[in-house]
Amino acid sequence: MLEQINNKKVNVNKFILKPNDSTGIHVHSFDYVIIPITDGNLKIVDKNKNELITNLVAGEPYFRKKGVEHNVINIGTNIIIFIEVEIK
């Protein structure tokens, strides 16, 4: 994770995940938006070990509410890059 901006209003991080890399289990303390820079396939594993396979599409952002606890794993064969914007 590369911190881009951290101020009173937002926290912006850039993630670069090589194949099989993961973010590690974490909890989102703020509502957030993910902005995919590249296409890619991710496996999301929540705190209860439930798994979800999802496809990122470059340029198609999505929003999630705070409280999400999960690990995000690159299950594809290419590097995945996305920007995370946490709204404080």
N, C-alpha and C. Protein backbone atom coordinates (compact mmCIF):
# COMPACT_ATOMS: atom_id res chain seq x y z
N MET A 1 0.83 -1.17 0.00
CA MET A 1 0.00 0.00 0.00
C MET A 1 0.88 1.24 0.00
N LEU A 2 0.53 2.17 -0.85
CA LEU A 2 1.26 3.42 -0.93
C LEU A 2 0.31 4.56 -0.56
N GLU A 3 0.57 5.22 0.57
CA GLU A 3 -0.30 6.33 0.98
C GLU A 3 -0.09 7.49 0.02
N GLN A 4 -1.19 8.03 -0.51
CA GLN A 4 -1.13 9.13 -1.46
C GLN A 4 -1.52 10.46 -0.79
N ILE A 5 -2.64 10.43 -0.06
CA ILE A 5 -3.15 11.62 0.63
C ILE A 5 -3.74 11.18 1.96
N ASN A 6 -3.48 11.95 3.01
CA ASN A 6 -4.10 11.69 4.30
C ASN A 6 -4.31 13.03 4.97
N ASN A 7 -5.59 13.48 5.00
CA ASN A 7 -5.90 14.75 5.64
C ASN A 7 -7.19 14.60 6.46
N LYS A 8 -7.80 15.69 6.86
CA LYS A 8 -8.99 15.64 7.71
C LYS A 8 -10.21 15.08 6.99
N LYS A 9 -10.23 15.11 5.68
CA LYS A 9 -11.42 14.71 4.92
C LYS A 9 -11.31 13.33 4.26
N VAL A 10 -10.11 12.97 3.77
CA VAL A 10 -9.95 11.70 3.05
C VAL A 10 -8.61 11.06 3.34
N ASN A 11 -8.58 9.76 3.11
CA ASN A 11 -7.33 8.99 3.11
C ASN A 11 -7.31 8.26 1.78
N VAL A 12 -6.28 8.50 0.97
CA VAL A 12 -6.18 7.89 -0.35
C VAL A 12 -4.95 7.00 -0.40
N ASN A 13 -5.17 5.73 -0.76
CA ASN A 13 -4.08 4.76 -0.84
C ASN A 13 -4.09 4.08 -2.21
N LYS A 14 -2.90 3.75 -2.68
CA LYS A 14 -2.74 3.02 -3.94
C LYS A 14 -2.25 1.62 -3.59
N PHE A 15 -2.93 0.63 -4.15
CA PHE A 15 -2.55 -0.77 -3.94
C PHE A 15 -2.05 -1.35 -5.24
N ILE A 16 -0.94 -2.06 -5.17
CA ILE A 16 -0.38 -2.78 -6.30
C ILE A 16 -0.21 -4.23 -5.84
N LEU A 17 -1.05 -5.11 -6.37
CA LEU A 17 -1.02 -6.51 -5.95
C LEU A 17 -0.53 -7.39 -7.09
N LYS A 18 0.61 -8.04 -6.88
CA LYS A 18 1.10 -9.03 -7.83
C LYS A 18 0.23 -10.28 -7.70
N PRO A 19 0.28 -11.19 -8.66
CA PRO A 19 -0.48 -12.43 -8.53
C PRO A 19 -0.19 -13.11 -7.18
N ASN A 20 -1.24 -13.52 -6.50
CA ASN A 20 -1.21 -14.17 -5.19
C ASN A 20 -0.92 -13.23 -4.02
N ASP A 21 -0.64 -11.95 -4.28
CA ASP A 21 -0.48 -10.98 -3.19
C ASP A 21 -1.84 -10.69 -2.57
N SER A 22 -1.82 -10.25 -1.32
CA SER A 22 -3.06 -9.88 -0.64
C SER A 22 -2.86 -8.61 0.17
N THR A 23 -3.97 -8.00 0.54
CA THR A 23 -3.92 -6.81 1.39
C THR A 23 -3.72 -7.18 2.85
N GLY A 24 -4.01 -8.43 3.20
CA GLY A 24 -4.04 -8.84 4.60
C GLY A 24 -5.40 -8.48 5.17
N ILE A 25 -5.80 -9.19 6.20
CA ILE A 25 -7.10 -8.94 6.82
C ILE A 25 -7.09 -7.53 7.42
N HIS A 26 -8.15 -6.77 7.17
CA HIS A 26 -8.24 -5.41 7.68
C HIS A 26 -9.70 -5.00 7.80
N VAL A 27 -9.95 -3.98 8.61
CA VAL A 27 -11.29 -3.43 8.82
C VAL A 27 -11.31 -2.01 8.28
N HIS A 28 -12.35 -1.69 7.53
CA HIS A 28 -12.52 -0.33 7.02
C HIS A 28 -13.25 0.51 8.07
N SER A 29 -12.57 1.51 8.60
CA SER A 29 -13.14 2.38 9.63
C SER A 29 -13.97 3.51 9.05
N PHE A 30 -13.91 3.67 7.73
CA PHE A 30 -14.63 4.74 7.04
C PHE A 30 -15.33 4.17 5.81
N ASP A 31 -16.40 4.84 5.36
CA ASP A 31 -16.95 4.52 4.05
C ASP A 31 -15.83 4.71 3.04
N TYR A 32 -15.88 3.95 1.93
CA TYR A 32 -14.78 4.06 0.98
C TYR A 32 -15.22 3.78 -0.45
N VAL A 33 -14.40 4.27 -1.37
CA VAL A 33 -14.58 4.05 -2.80
C VAL A 33 -13.32 3.39 -3.33
N ILE A 34 -13.49 2.36 -4.15
CA ILE A 34 -12.37 1.72 -4.84
C ILE A 34 -12.43 2.12 -6.30
N ILE A 35 -11.30 2.58 -6.83
CA ILE A 35 -11.19 2.96 -8.24
C ILE A 35 -10.15 2.05 -8.88
N PRO A 36 -10.59 1.04 -9.64
CA PRO A 36 -9.63 0.15 -10.30
C PRO A 36 -8.87 0.88 -11.41
N ILE A 37 -7.57 0.69 -11.42
CA ILE A 37 -6.72 1.23 -12.48
C ILE A 37 -6.52 0.17 -13.56
N THR A 38 -6.51 -1.09 -13.15
CA THR A 38 -6.36 -2.21 -14.08
C THR A 38 -7.53 -3.18 -13.89
N ASP A 39 -7.78 -3.98 -14.89
CA ASP A 39 -8.73 -5.08 -14.76
C ASP A 39 -8.08 -6.17 -13.91
N GLY A 40 -8.89 -7.00 -13.27
CA GLY A 40 -8.31 -8.10 -12.52
C GLY A 40 -9.34 -8.92 -11.79
N ASN A 41 -8.92 -10.08 -11.34
CA ASN A 41 -9.76 -11.01 -10.59
C ASN A 41 -9.29 -11.07 -9.15
N LEU A 42 -10.22 -10.86 -8.24
CA LEU A 42 -9.91 -10.85 -6.81
C LEU A 42 -10.74 -11.87 -6.07
N LYS A 43 -10.15 -12.43 -5.02
CA LYS A 43 -10.91 -13.23 -4.07
C LYS A 43 -10.98 -12.42 -2.79
N ILE A 44 -12.20 -12.21 -2.30
CA ILE A 44 -12.44 -11.48 -1.06
C ILE A 44 -12.81 -12.51 0.01
N VAL A 45 -12.08 -12.53 1.10
CA VAL A 45 -12.35 -13.45 2.20
C VAL A 45 -12.71 -12.61 3.42
N ASP A 46 -13.96 -12.78 3.92
CA ASP A 46 -14.38 -11.97 5.06
C ASP A 46 -13.95 -12.61 6.37
N LYS A 47 -14.29 -11.94 7.48
CA LYS A 47 -13.86 -12.38 8.80
C LYS A 47 -14.40 -13.75 9.17
N ASN A 48 -15.49 -14.18 8.51
CA ASN A 48 -16.08 -15.50 8.77
C ASN A 48 -15.59 -16.57 7.80
N LYS A 49 -14.57 -16.22 7.00
CA LYS A 49 -13.96 -17.11 6.01
C LYS A 49 -14.86 -17.34 4.79
N ASN A 50 -15.92 -16.53 4.62
CA ASN A 50 -16.73 -16.58 3.41
C ASN A 50 -15.92 -16.00 2.27
N GLU A 51 -16.00 -16.62 1.10
CA GLU A 51 -15.22 -16.18 -0.06
C GLU A 51 -16.13 -15.67 -1.15
N LEU A 52 -15.67 -14.61 -1.83
CA LEU A 52 -16.37 -14.04 -2.97
C LEU A 52 -15.34 -13.76 -4.04
N ILE A 53 -15.61 -14.21 -5.26
CA ILE A 53 -14.75 -13.90 -6.40
C ILE A 53 -15.37 -12.72 -7.12
N THR A 54 -14.56 -11.71 -7.40
CA THR A 54 -15.05 -10.51 -8.08
C THR A 54 -14.08 -10.07 -9.15
N ASN A 55 -14.60 -9.37 -10.13
CA ASN A 55 -13.78 -8.87 -11.23
C ASN A 55 -13.71 -7.36 -11.18
N LEU A 56 -12.51 -6.82 -11.13
CA LEU A 56 -12.33 -5.39 -11.22
C LEU A 56 -12.28 -5.00 -12.69
N VAL A 57 -12.90 -3.88 -13.01
CA VAL A 57 -12.85 -3.35 -14.37
C VAL A 57 -12.24 -1.95 -14.28
N ALA A 58 -11.16 -1.74 -15.00
CA ALA A 58 -10.45 -0.47 -14.96
C ALA A 58 -11.42 0.69 -15.20
N GLY A 59 -11.36 1.68 -14.31
CA GLY A 59 -12.18 2.87 -14.47
C GLY A 59 -13.59 2.78 -13.95
N GLU A 60 -14.01 1.61 -13.41
CA GLU A 60 -15.36 1.45 -12.88
C GLU A 60 -15.32 1.37 -11.35
N PRO A 61 -15.50 2.51 -10.68
CA PRO A 61 -15.41 2.54 -9.23
C PRO A 61 -16.61 1.90 -8.55
N TYR A 62 -16.42 1.55 -7.27
CA TYR A 62 -17.54 1.08 -6.45
C TYR A 62 -17.39 1.59 -5.03
N PHE A 63 -18.52 1.65 -4.31
CA PHE A 63 -18.60 2.22 -2.97
C PHE A 63 -18.96 1.14 -1.97
N ARG A 64 -18.38 1.21 -0.77
CA ARG A 64 -18.72 0.31 0.33
C ARG A 64 -18.83 1.12 1.62
N LYS A 65 -19.68 0.64 2.53
CA LYS A 65 -19.86 1.28 3.84
C LYS A 65 -18.75 0.84 4.80
N LYS A 66 -18.50 1.66 5.80
CA LYS A 66 -17.51 1.33 6.82
C LYS A 66 -17.91 0.05 7.55
N GLY A 67 -16.92 -0.57 8.17
CA GLY A 67 -17.17 -1.78 8.95
C GLY A 67 -16.81 -3.07 8.22
N VAL A 68 -16.54 -2.99 6.92
CA VAL A 68 -16.16 -4.17 6.16
C VAL A 68 -14.84 -4.70 6.70
N GLU A 69 -14.79 -6.01 6.97
CA GLU A 69 -13.56 -6.66 7.42
C GLU A 69 -13.26 -7.80 6.47
N HIS A 70 -12.11 -7.73 5.81
CA HIS A 70 -11.80 -8.74 4.80
C HIS A 70 -10.32 -8.75 4.42
N ASN A 71 -9.96 -9.76 3.65
CA ASN A 71 -8.67 -9.86 3.00
C ASN A 71 -8.96 -9.90 1.51
N VAL A 72 -8.17 -9.17 0.73
CA VAL A 72 -8.35 -9.09 -0.72
C VAL A 72 -7.13 -9.73 -1.37
N ILE A 73 -7.36 -10.74 -2.23
CA ILE A 73 -6.27 -11.52 -2.81
C ILE A 73 -6.35 -11.46 -4.33
N ASN A 74 -5.23 -11.17 -4.97
CA ASN A 74 -5.15 -11.19 -6.43
C ASN A 74 -5.05 -12.64 -6.88
N ILE A 75 -6.10 -13.15 -7.51
CA ILE A 75 -6.09 -14.54 -7.98
C ILE A 75 -5.85 -14.62 -9.48
N GLY A 76 -5.54 -13.50 -10.10
CA GLY A 76 -5.27 -13.49 -11.53
C GLY A 76 -3.80 -13.70 -11.83
N THR A 77 -3.45 -13.52 -13.09
CA THR A 77 -2.07 -13.72 -13.54
C THR A 77 -1.36 -12.40 -13.82
N ASN A 78 -2.07 -11.29 -13.67
CA ASN A 78 -1.49 -9.97 -13.92
C ASN A 78 -1.49 -9.14 -12.64
N ILE A 79 -0.67 -8.11 -12.62
CA ILE A 79 -0.65 -7.16 -11.51
C ILE A 79 -1.98 -6.40 -11.51
N ILE A 80 -2.54 -6.22 -10.31
CA ILE A 80 -3.75 -5.43 -10.14
C ILE A 80 -3.39 -4.15 -9.39
N ILE A 81 -3.89 -3.03 -9.91
CA ILE A 81 -3.67 -1.74 -9.27
C ILE A 81 -5.03 -1.09 -9.04
N PHE A 82 -5.23 -0.59 -7.81
CA PHE A 82 -6.46 0.16 -7.53
C PHE A 82 -6.18 1.24 -6.51
N ILE A 83 -7.03 2.28 -6.55
CA ILE A 83 -6.96 3.38 -5.60
C ILE A 83 -8.12 3.22 -4.62
N GLU A 84 -7.82 3.37 -3.34
CA GLU A 84 -8.84 3.32 -2.29
C GLU A 84 -8.96 4.73 -1.70
N VAL A 85 -10.18 5.26 -1.70
CA VAL A 85 -10.47 6.57 -1.12
C VAL A 85 -11.38 6.38 0.08
N GLU A 86 -10.85 6.59 1.28
CA GLU A 86 -11.65 6.50 2.50
C GLU A 86 -12.17 7.90 2.82
N ILE A 87 -13.49 7.98 3.07
CA ILE A 87 -14.14 9.26 3.32
C ILE A 87 -14.29 9.43 4.84
N LYS A 88 -13.56 10.37 5.39
CA LYS A 88 -13.55 10.56 6.85
C LYS A 88 -14.76 11.37 7.31
